[in-house]
Amino acid sequence: AFRRKETFSTSGPHIKVRFFASNDFADGLIEGVDSIAQAYAQGVAMGGDLGRQLDGTPEFFVWASPDADSVALQRLQIIKGWIEDGESKEMVYDIACSDGGGGDTQTHRCPDNGAGVDLTTCATTPDKGAGELRTLWQDPDFDRDKRAFYYVRVLENPKCRWIFFTILDSETIFEAKNR
C-alpha cells in the first residue's frame, strides 16, 4: 500500500475508506456487491494517476464505513486542489450526505443532519448518520486543461473526544481522594 501510495492517515477513529478514479466506470458500480473489486479492475486506487482522456469528465468512486468503536458517518467530502494564475486554489465538495440529505448544487454542501452531542454526558443523538456511505461523483468544475488533485475526507457525527473522559476520570479520582 505504501509503494502504491494507497494509504491514508487518521488522528482518531479508524474509518475504512476506498477512493478510486476512472475515465469510465461501468453502470451499476454503486449497487454491486463486489463494487470494490470492480473499482480496482476499472479504475485507479487512491494515490494513483489517472491518464488523460480526450473528452468527458473523470468519475470518482468513494466508499467509507465507520470505526466499530465510534459514531455513525455524517458526510463524504472531496477536496480538489489546483494552481491558477500562480496561486494554489482549493474547493471542498460534499459528495455524499447521511440521512437522505442531498447536497446543494450551488454551495456543494450537505444539509445539517441534526446529529449532536450532550457535552455533560457525551450522549450522542440516536438514529442519525450512516453505517456506510458510497457514491460515484464527477467534478462539476472539471477543466481538462488544468492539472488537479483530489482527496477524500470522511466526517463523523459529533462526539466527545478522549480528553473529555480523561478529565472526568481525573475529577472522579480527585473527589475520591478528598473524601
C-alpha atoms as a PDB file:
ATOM      1  CA  ALA A   1       0.000   0.000   0.000  1.00  0.00           C
ATOM      2  CA  PHE A   2       2.863   2.413   0.760  1.00  0.00           C
ATOM      3  CA  ARG A   3       4.589   1.714  -2.545  1.00  0.00           C
ATOM      4  CA  ARG A   4       1.311   2.229  -4.429  1.00  0.00           C
ATOM      5  CA  LYS A   5       0.601   5.392  -2.380  1.00  0.00           C
ATOM      6  CA  GLU A   6      -2.690   3.696  -1.486  1.00  0.00           C
ATOM      7  CA  THR A   7      -2.757   4.709   2.144  1.00  0.00           C
ATOM      8  CA  PHE A   8      -4.210   7.362   4.411  1.00  0.00           C
ATOM      9  CA  SER A   9      -3.913   8.545   7.988  1.00  0.00           C
ATOM     10  CA  THR A  10      -6.254   9.436  10.794  1.00  0.00           C
ATOM     11  CA  SER A  11      -5.896  11.313  14.045  1.00  0.00           C
ATOM     12  CA  GLY A  12      -8.771   9.419  15.582  1.00  0.00           C
ATOM     13  CA  PRO A  13     -11.200   6.685  14.573  1.00  0.00           C
ATOM     14  CA  HIS A  14     -10.101   4.004  12.152  1.00  0.00           C
ATOM     15  CA  ILE A  15     -12.636   4.654   9.415  1.00  0.00           C
ATOM     16  CA  LYS A  16     -12.432   2.334   6.409  1.00  0.00           C
ATOM     17  CA  VAL A  17     -12.051   4.310   3.162  1.00  0.00           C
ATOM     18  CA  ARG A  18     -11.744   3.399  -0.515  1.00  0.00           C
ATOM     19  CA  PHE A  19     -11.227   6.035  -3.234  1.00  0.00           C
ATOM     20  CA  PHE A  20     -10.992   5.303  -6.966  1.00  0.00           C
ATOM     21  CA  ALA A  21     -10.917   7.323 -10.187  1.00  0.00           C
ATOM     22  CA  SER A  22     -11.793   6.225 -13.698  1.00  0.00           C
ATOM     23  CA  ASN A  23     -12.483   7.637 -17.107  1.00  0.00           C
ATOM     24  CA  ASP A  24     -15.421   5.234 -17.431  1.00  0.00           C
ATOM     25  CA  PHE A  25     -16.778   3.153 -14.546  1.00  0.00           C
ATOM     26  CA  ALA A  26     -19.357   0.564 -15.623  1.00  0.00           C
ATOM     27  CA  ASP A  27     -23.018   1.113 -14.804  1.00  0.00           C
ATOM     28  CA  GLY A  28     -24.161  -0.483 -11.552  1.00  0.00           C
ATOM     29  CA  LEU A  29     -20.889   0.071  -9.684  1.00  0.00           C
ATOM     30  CA  ILE A  30     -22.579   1.636  -6.664  1.00  0.00           C
ATOM     31  CA  GLU A  31     -25.179  -1.111  -6.247  1.00  0.00           C
ATOM     32  CA  GLY A  32     -22.817  -4.013  -6.907  1.00  0.00           C
ATOM     33  CA  VAL A  33     -21.968  -6.446  -4.124  1.00  0.00           C
ATOM     34  CA  ASP A  34     -18.416  -6.522  -5.460  1.00  0.00           C
ATOM     35  CA  SER A  35     -18.113  -2.772  -6.122  1.00  0.00           C
ATOM     36  CA  ILE A  36     -14.631  -2.509  -4.558  1.00  0.00           C
ATOM     37  CA  ALA A  37     -13.284  -5.312  -6.773  1.00  0.00           C
ATOM     38  CA  GLN A  38     -14.941  -3.700  -9.805  1.00  0.00           C
ATOM     39  CA  ALA A  39     -13.415  -0.320  -8.938  1.00  0.00           C
ATOM     40  CA  TYR A  40      -9.928  -1.866  -8.704  1.00  0.00           C
ATOM     41  CA  ALA A  41     -10.461  -3.501 -12.105  1.00  0.00           C
ATOM     42  CA  GLN A  42     -11.920  -0.438 -13.858  1.00  0.00           C
ATOM     43  CA  GLY A  43     -10.051   2.471 -12.268  1.00  0.00           C
ATOM     44  CA  VAL A  44      -7.047   3.593 -10.281  1.00  0.00           C
ATOM     45  CA  ALA A  45      -6.966   3.487  -6.493  1.00  0.00           C
ATOM     46  CA  MET A  46      -6.129   6.419  -4.244  1.00  0.00           C
ATOM     47  CA  GLY A  47      -2.566   7.563  -4.737  1.00  0.00           C
ATOM     48  CA  GLY A  48      -2.616   6.688  -8.436  1.00  0.00           C
ATOM     49  CA  ASP A  49      -2.509   8.892 -11.512  1.00  0.00           C
ATOM     50  CA  LEU A  50      -5.474   8.826 -13.857  1.00  0.00           C
ATOM     51  CA  GLY A  51      -4.494   9.063 -17.509  1.00  0.00           C
ATOM     52  CA  ARG A  52      -5.745  11.988 -19.560  1.00  0.00           C
ATOM     53  CA  GLN A  53      -8.826  11.389 -21.677  1.00  0.00           C
ATOM     54  CA  LEU A  54      -9.846  13.274 -24.792  1.00  0.00           C
ATOM     55  CA  ASP A  55     -13.394  14.045 -23.711  1.00  0.00           C
ATOM     56  CA  GLY A  56     -15.730  13.565 -20.768  1.00  0.00           C
ATOM     57  CA  THR A  57     -15.168  14.072 -17.082  1.00  0.00           C
ATOM     58  CA  PRO A  58     -13.400  11.619 -14.764  1.00  0.00           C
ATOM     59  CA  GLU A  59     -15.535   9.740 -12.257  1.00  0.00           C
ATOM     60  CA  PHE A  60     -14.661   9.151  -8.621  1.00  0.00           C
ATOM     61  CA  PHE A  61     -15.978   6.243  -6.579  1.00  0.00           C
ATOM     62  CA  VAL A  62     -15.798   6.756  -2.811  1.00  0.00           C
ATOM     63  CA  TRP A  63     -16.793   4.265  -0.113  1.00  0.00           C
ATOM     64  CA  ALA A  64     -16.467   4.611   3.666  1.00  0.00           C
ATOM     65  CA  SER A  65     -17.643   2.797   6.782  1.00  0.00           C
ATOM     66  CA  PRO A  66     -17.212   3.941  10.385  1.00  0.00           C
ATOM     67  CA  ASP A  67     -14.926   2.599  13.072  1.00  0.00           C
ATOM     68  CA  ALA A  68     -16.853  -0.046  15.043  1.00  0.00           C
ATOM     69  CA  ASP A  69     -15.924   1.767  18.286  1.00  0.00           C
ATOM     70  CA  SER A  70     -17.062   5.190  17.115  1.00  0.00           C
ATOM     71  CA  VAL A  71     -20.159   7.007  15.851  1.00  0.00           C
ATOM     72  CA  ALA A  72     -22.022   6.994  12.533  1.00  0.00           C
ATOM     73  CA  LEU A  73     -20.784   8.856   9.454  1.00  0.00           C
ATOM     74  CA  GLN A  74     -22.200  12.267   8.550  1.00  0.00           C
ATOM     75  CA  ARG A  75     -20.785  13.024   5.072  1.00  0.00           C
ATOM     76  CA  LEU A  76     -18.120  12.371   2.472  1.00  0.00           C
ATOM     77  CA  GLN A  77     -16.142  15.252   1.045  1.00  0.00           C
ATOM     78  CA  ILE A  78     -13.749  15.613  -1.860  1.00  0.00           C
ATOM     79  CA  ILE A  79     -11.171  18.343  -1.646  1.00  0.00           C
ATOM     80  CA  LYS A  80      -9.866  19.485  -5.024  1.00  0.00           C
ATOM     81  CA  GLY A  81      -6.629  21.416  -5.377  1.00  0.00           C
ATOM     82  CA  TRP A  82      -5.118  23.147  -8.409  1.00  0.00           C
ATOM     83  CA  ILE A  83      -2.901  26.071  -9.450  1.00  0.00           C
ATOM     84  CA  GLU A  84      -4.476  29.079 -11.148  1.00  0.00           C
ATOM     85  CA  ASP A  85      -2.527  32.200 -12.155  1.00  0.00           C
ATOM     86  CA  GLY A  86       0.376  31.026  -9.999  1.00  0.00           C
ATOM     87  CA  GLU A  87      -1.776  30.694  -6.873  1.00  0.00           C
ATOM     88  CA  SER A  88      -2.871  27.479  -5.204  1.00  0.00           C
ATOM     89  CA  LYS A  89      -6.641  27.027  -5.066  1.00  0.00           C
ATOM     90  CA  GLU A  90      -8.840  24.618  -3.154  1.00  0.00           C
ATOM     91  CA  MET A  91     -12.517  23.673  -3.263  1.00  0.00           C
ATOM     92  CA  VAL A  92     -14.451  21.419  -0.873  1.00  0.00           C
ATOM     93  CA  TYR A  93     -17.387  19.403  -2.198  1.00  0.00           C
ATOM     94  CA  ASP A  94     -19.779  17.413  -0.001  1.00  0.00           C
ATOM     95  CA  ILE A  95     -20.379  14.393  -2.231  1.00  0.00           C
ATOM     96  CA  ALA A  96     -22.485  12.081  -0.030  1.00  0.00           C
ATOM     97  CA  CYS A  97     -24.829  13.069   2.784  1.00  0.00           C
ATOM     98  CA  SER A  98     -26.253  10.857   5.528  1.00  0.00           C
ATOM     99  CA  ASP A  99     -29.903  10.640   6.490  1.00  0.00           C
ATOM    100  CA  GLY A 100     -31.157  11.097   2.946  1.00  0.00           C
ATOM    101  CA  GLY A 101     -29.883  14.641   2.641  1.00  0.00           C
ATOM    102  CA  GLY A 102     -28.998  15.778  -0.846  1.00  0.00           C
ATOM    103  CA  GLY A 103     -26.121  18.146  -1.436  1.00  0.00           C
ATOM    104  CA  ASP A 104     -26.886  21.699  -2.544  1.00  0.00           C
ATOM    105  CA  THR A 105     -25.817  22.130  -6.180  1.00  0.00           C
ATOM    106  CA  GLN A 106     -24.805  25.767  -5.616  1.00  0.00           C
ATOM    107  CA  THR A 107     -22.865  25.507  -2.337  1.00  0.00           C
ATOM    108  CA  HIS A 108     -21.834  21.836  -2.700  1.00  0.00           C
ATOM    109  CA  ARG A 109     -22.749  21.298   0.958  1.00  0.00           C
ATOM    110  CA  CYS A 110     -24.924  18.740   2.752  1.00  0.00           C
ATOM    111  CA  PRO A 111     -27.751  19.926   4.990  1.00  0.00           C
ATOM    112  CA  ASP A 112     -27.275  19.528   8.745  1.00  0.00           C
ATOM    113  CA  ASN A 113     -28.346  16.000   9.670  1.00  0.00           C
ATOM    114  CA  GLY A 114     -29.371  17.052  13.176  1.00  0.00           C
ATOM    115  CA  ALA A 115     -26.780  14.958  14.986  1.00  0.00           C
ATOM    116  CA  GLY A 116     -25.392  16.394  18.191  1.00  0.00           C
ATOM    117  CA  VAL A 117     -23.706  15.537  21.460  1.00  0.00           C
ATOM    118  CA  ASP A 118     -24.666  16.364  25.050  1.00  0.00           C
ATOM    119  CA  LEU A 119     -21.456  17.820  26.491  1.00  0.00           C
ATOM    120  CA  THR A 120     -22.443  16.972  30.070  1.00  0.00           C
ATOM    121  CA  THR A 121     -22.854  13.234  29.416  1.00  0.00           C
ATOM    122  CA  CYS A 122     -21.289  12.711  25.960  1.00  0.00           C
ATOM    123  CA  ALA A 123     -24.534  11.096  24.788  1.00  0.00           C
ATOM    124  CA  THR A 124     -24.937  11.338  21.012  1.00  0.00           C
ATOM    125  CA  THR A 125     -28.132  11.819  19.040  1.00  0.00           C
ATOM    126  CA  PRO A 126     -29.532   8.358  18.269  1.00  0.00           C
ATOM    127  CA  ASP A 127     -30.562   7.246  14.783  1.00  0.00           C
ATOM    128  CA  LYS A 128     -28.601   9.929  12.928  1.00  0.00           C
ATOM    129  CA  GLY A 129     -25.824   9.290  10.449  1.00  0.00           C
ATOM    130  CA  ALA A 130     -24.893   6.382   8.225  1.00  0.00           C
ATOM    131  CA  GLY A 131     -23.307   2.992   8.772  1.00  0.00           C
ATOM    132  CA  GLU A 132     -21.839   3.278   5.279  1.00  0.00           C
ATOM    133  CA  LEU A 133     -21.562   5.959   2.616  1.00  0.00           C
ATOM    134  CA  ARG A 134     -20.773   5.332  -1.033  1.00  0.00           C
ATOM    135  CA  THR A 135     -21.111   7.429  -4.127  1.00  0.00           C
ATOM    136  CA  LEU A 136     -19.999   7.975  -7.681  1.00  0.00           C
ATOM    137  CA  TRP A 137     -19.095  11.639  -8.268  1.00  0.00           C
ATOM    138  CA  GLN A 138     -17.946  13.858 -11.124  1.00  0.00           C
ATOM    139  CA  ASP A 139     -16.288  17.242 -10.640  1.00  0.00           C
ATOM    140  CA  PRO A 140     -18.834  19.865 -11.788  1.00  0.00           C
ATOM    141  CA  ASP A 141     -15.992  22.335 -12.393  1.00  0.00           C
ATOM    142  CA  PHE A 142     -13.651  19.969 -14.235  1.00  0.00           C
ATOM    143  CA  ASP A 143     -11.265  21.620 -16.694  1.00  0.00           C
ATOM    144  CA  ARG A 144      -9.056  19.208 -18.642  1.00  0.00           C
ATOM    145  CA  ASP A 145      -6.505  21.970 -19.283  1.00  0.00           C
ATOM    146  CA  LYS A 146      -5.741  22.333 -15.558  1.00  0.00           C
ATOM    147  CA  ARG A 147      -3.926  19.698 -13.553  1.00  0.00           C
ATOM    148  CA  ALA A 148      -5.729  18.956 -10.302  1.00  0.00           C
ATOM    149  CA  PHE A 149      -5.514  16.624  -7.344  1.00  0.00           C
ATOM    150  CA  TYR A 150      -8.390  15.224  -5.310  1.00  0.00           C
ATOM    151  CA  TYR A 151      -8.526  13.712  -1.848  1.00  0.00           C
ATOM    152  CA  VAL A 152     -11.307  12.414   0.362  1.00  0.00           C
ATOM    153  CA  ARG A 153     -12.347  13.494   3.828  1.00  0.00           C
ATOM    154  CA  VAL A 154     -14.854  11.480   5.872  1.00  0.00           C
ATOM    155  CA  LEU A 155     -16.755  13.251   8.634  1.00  0.00           C
ATOM    156  CA  GLU A 156     -18.444  11.531  11.550  1.00  0.00           C
ATOM    157  CA  ASN A 157     -21.337  12.791  13.611  1.00  0.00           C
ATOM    158  CA  PRO A 158     -20.219  14.923  16.572  1.00  0.00           C
ATOM    159  CA  LYS A 159     -18.924  13.106  19.649  1.00  0.00           C
ATOM    160  CA  CYS A 160     -16.806  13.777  22.714  1.00  0.00           C
ATOM    161  CA  ARG A 161     -13.063  13.394  22.287  1.00  0.00           C
ATOM    162  CA  TRP A 162     -10.973  11.121  24.509  1.00  0.00           C
ATOM    163  CA  ILE A 163      -9.753  14.110  26.555  1.00  0.00           C
ATOM    164  CA  PHE A 164     -13.281  14.557  27.954  1.00  0.00           C
ATOM    165  CA  PHE A 165     -13.122  11.133  29.590  1.00  0.00           C
ATOM    166  CA  THR A 166      -9.604  11.784  30.925  1.00  0.00           C
ATOM    167  CA  ILE A 167     -10.849  14.979  32.602  1.00  0.00           C
ATOM    168  CA  LEU A 168     -13.869  13.152  34.067  1.00  0.00           C
ATOM    169  CA  ASP A 169     -11.634  10.373  35.407  1.00  0.00           C
ATOM    170  CA  SER A 170      -9.249  12.918  36.974  1.00  0.00           C
ATOM    171  CA  GLU A 171     -12.125  14.755  38.660  1.00  0.00           C
ATOM    172  CA  THR A 172     -13.537  11.484  39.994  1.00  0.00           C
ATOM    173  CA  ILE A 173     -10.130  10.464  41.395  1.00  0.00           C
ATOM    174  CA  PHE A 174      -9.671  13.933  42.926  1.00  0.00           C
ATOM    175  CA  GLU A 175     -13.096  13.790  44.576  1.00  0.00           C
ATOM    176  CA  ALA A 176     -12.404  10.297  45.935  1.00  0.00           C
ATOM    177  CA  LYS A 177      -9.058  11.384  47.470  1.00  0.00           C
ATOM    178  CA  ASN A 178     -10.623  14.439  49.111  1.00  0.00           C
ATOM    179  CA  ARG A 179     -13.369  12.496  50.928  1.00  0.00           C
END
